[in-house]
Amino acid sequence: MNYNWCHNPDCHKIHTQSRVRGSGNNKVLRTVKIKVGRYGNYQPNIWNYFCNQNCLMQFLNKFGQEIANTYSVKQPSETPIKVKKEKYESYRYDFGYEKRVPYQATRTIIESIDNE
């Protein structure tokens, strides 16, 4: 089994029972050990590096600016799309008559155009 330590540099400072290690008067708070692939091995996952959302957000608050600077975006990205409007019949409940009433509704469908 592969394991990582939580990447939040302050993980070992959070007071939870799951972080307490040691015996007697030699107790410490330890960074959480994370099983890689605990939410599936099929793709890279942020939860392979952070024990919980609190640690992830503390990390991003501390290092978010540096992370953004390593992958700087100078212009917006665009994806070509086709927008379709589709009419369909739906129902709503009319409380005055206590029954379902049909009405015409419109949904917007956005499809990506693959130009590659």
Protein backbone atom coordinates (compact mmCIF):
# COMPACT_ATOMS: atom_id res chain seq x y z
CA MET A 1 0.00 0.00 0.00
CA ASN A 2 1.22 3.51 -0.83
CA TYR A 3 0.83 6.28 1.69
CA ASN A 4 1.42 10.04 1.75
CA TRP A 5 1.60 12.42 4.67
CA CYS A 6 -0.90 15.28 4.62
CA HIS A 7 0.72 18.17 2.73
CA ASN A 8 -0.68 20.87 5.01
CA PRO A 9 2.39 22.10 6.95
CA ASP A 10 0.13 22.82 9.95
CA CYS A 11 -1.70 19.46 9.99
CA HIS A 12 0.21 18.38 13.10
CA LYS A 13 -1.03 21.46 15.00
CA ILE A 14 -4.75 20.63 14.71
CA HIS A 15 -6.12 19.26 17.99
CA THR A 16 -7.96 16.04 17.15
CA GLN A 17 -7.75 12.62 18.78
CA SER A 18 -6.81 10.99 15.47
CA ARG A 19 -3.52 12.93 15.48
CA VAL A 20 -2.46 12.01 19.05
CA ARG A 21 0.46 9.54 19.15
CA GLY A 22 2.69 8.27 21.95
CA SER A 23 2.17 6.96 25.45
CA GLY A 24 2.36 8.33 28.95
CA ASN A 25 3.90 11.80 29.08
CA ASN A 26 5.47 11.41 25.61
CA LYS A 27 2.42 12.30 23.54
CA VAL A 28 2.59 14.31 20.31
CA LEU A 29 0.22 15.54 17.60
CA ARG A 30 1.31 13.94 14.31
CA THR A 31 0.53 14.76 10.67
CA VAL A 32 -2.13 12.41 9.26
CA LYS A 33 -0.98 9.49 7.12
CA ILE A 34 -3.14 9.13 3.99
CA LYS A 35 -3.74 5.95 2.04
CA VAL A 36 -3.22 6.71 -1.67
CA GLY A 37 -6.26 5.81 -3.74
CA ARG A 38 -8.69 5.77 -0.82
CA TYR A 39 -11.33 7.26 -3.17
CA GLY A 40 -10.33 5.14 -6.19
CA ASN A 41 -7.11 4.66 -8.19
CA TYR A 42 -8.63 5.53 -11.56
CA GLN A 43 -7.37 9.14 -11.65
CA PRO A 44 -5.12 11.56 -9.77
CA ASN A 45 -7.01 12.90 -6.79
CA ILE A 46 -6.39 15.85 -4.43
CA TRP A 47 -7.43 13.65 -1.48
CA ASN A 48 -4.24 11.62 -1.97
CA TYR A 49 -2.40 14.65 -0.51
CA PHE A 50 -4.76 16.15 2.09
CA CYS A 51 -6.47 14.37 4.96
CA ASN A 52 -9.60 16.56 4.88
CA GLN A 53 -11.06 19.76 3.49
CA ASN A 54 -9.83 21.82 6.45
CA CYS A 55 -6.19 20.92 5.71
CA LEU A 56 -6.68 21.55 1.99
CA MET A 57 -8.13 25.02 2.62
CA GLN A 58 -5.40 25.93 5.14
CA PHE A 59 -2.79 24.89 2.55
CA LEU A 60 -4.45 26.93 -0.21
CA ASN A 61 -4.78 29.99 2.05
CA LYS A 62 -1.07 29.76 2.84
CA PHE A 63 0.33 28.82 -0.61
CA GLY A 64 -2.46 29.69 -3.07
CA GLN A 65 -0.69 32.76 -4.46
CA GLU A 66 2.52 30.80 -5.10
CA ILE A 67 0.56 28.00 -6.80
CA ALA A 68 -1.24 30.52 -9.03
CA ASN A 69 2.10 32.09 -9.99
CA THR A 70 3.53 28.74 -11.16
CA TYR A 71 0.76 28.38 -13.73
CA SER A 72 0.01 31.93 -14.76
CA VAL A 73 -2.93 32.60 -17.10
CA LYS A 74 -2.35 35.57 -19.41
CA GLN A 75 -5.49 35.28 -21.55
CA PRO A 76 -8.86 33.57 -21.27
CA SER A 77 -9.46 30.11 -22.71
CA GLU A 78 -12.41 29.47 -25.00
CA THR A 79 -14.34 26.40 -26.08
CA PRO A 80 -16.47 26.55 -29.25
CA ILE A 81 -20.09 25.65 -28.51
CA LYS A 82 -23.48 25.32 -30.14
CA VAL A 83 -26.51 26.55 -28.16
CA LYS A 84 -29.90 24.92 -28.77
CA LYS A 85 -33.28 25.87 -27.32
CA GLU A 86 -35.65 22.94 -26.91
CA LYS A 87 -39.33 23.16 -26.00
CA TYR A 88 -40.88 20.42 -23.92
CA GLU A 89 -44.01 19.82 -21.94
CA SER A 90 -43.75 19.71 -18.18
CA TYR A 91 -46.12 19.76 -15.24
CA ARG A 92 -46.55 21.89 -12.16
CA TYR A 93 -48.90 21.43 -9.24
CA ASP A 94 -51.76 23.94 -9.05
CA PHE A 95 -52.73 24.24 -5.40
CA GLY A 96 -55.94 26.13 -6.24
CA TYR A 97 -57.30 23.16 -8.13
CA GLU A 98 -55.11 20.56 -6.40
CA LYS A 99 -54.00 18.90 -9.59
CA ARG A 100 -51.07 18.77 -12.00
CA VAL A 101 -51.26 21.30 -14.81
CA PRO A 102 -49.26 20.92 -18.04
CA TYR A 103 -47.26 23.87 -19.37
CA GLN A 104 -44.71 24.55 -22.12
CA ALA A 105 -41.15 24.97 -20.92
CA THR A 106 -37.86 25.66 -22.68
CA ARG A 107 -34.49 24.18 -21.83
CA THR A 108 -31.14 25.41 -23.10
CA ILE A 109 -28.69 22.76 -24.30
CA ILE A 110 -25.02 23.67 -24.66
CA GLU A 111 -22.91 21.31 -26.77
CA SER A 112 -19.15 21.53 -27.27
CA ILE A 113 -17.94 21.52 -30.85
CA ASP A 114 -14.89 19.31 -31.33
CA ASN A 115 -12.59 21.08 -33.81
CA GLU A 116 -9.53 18.93 -33.19
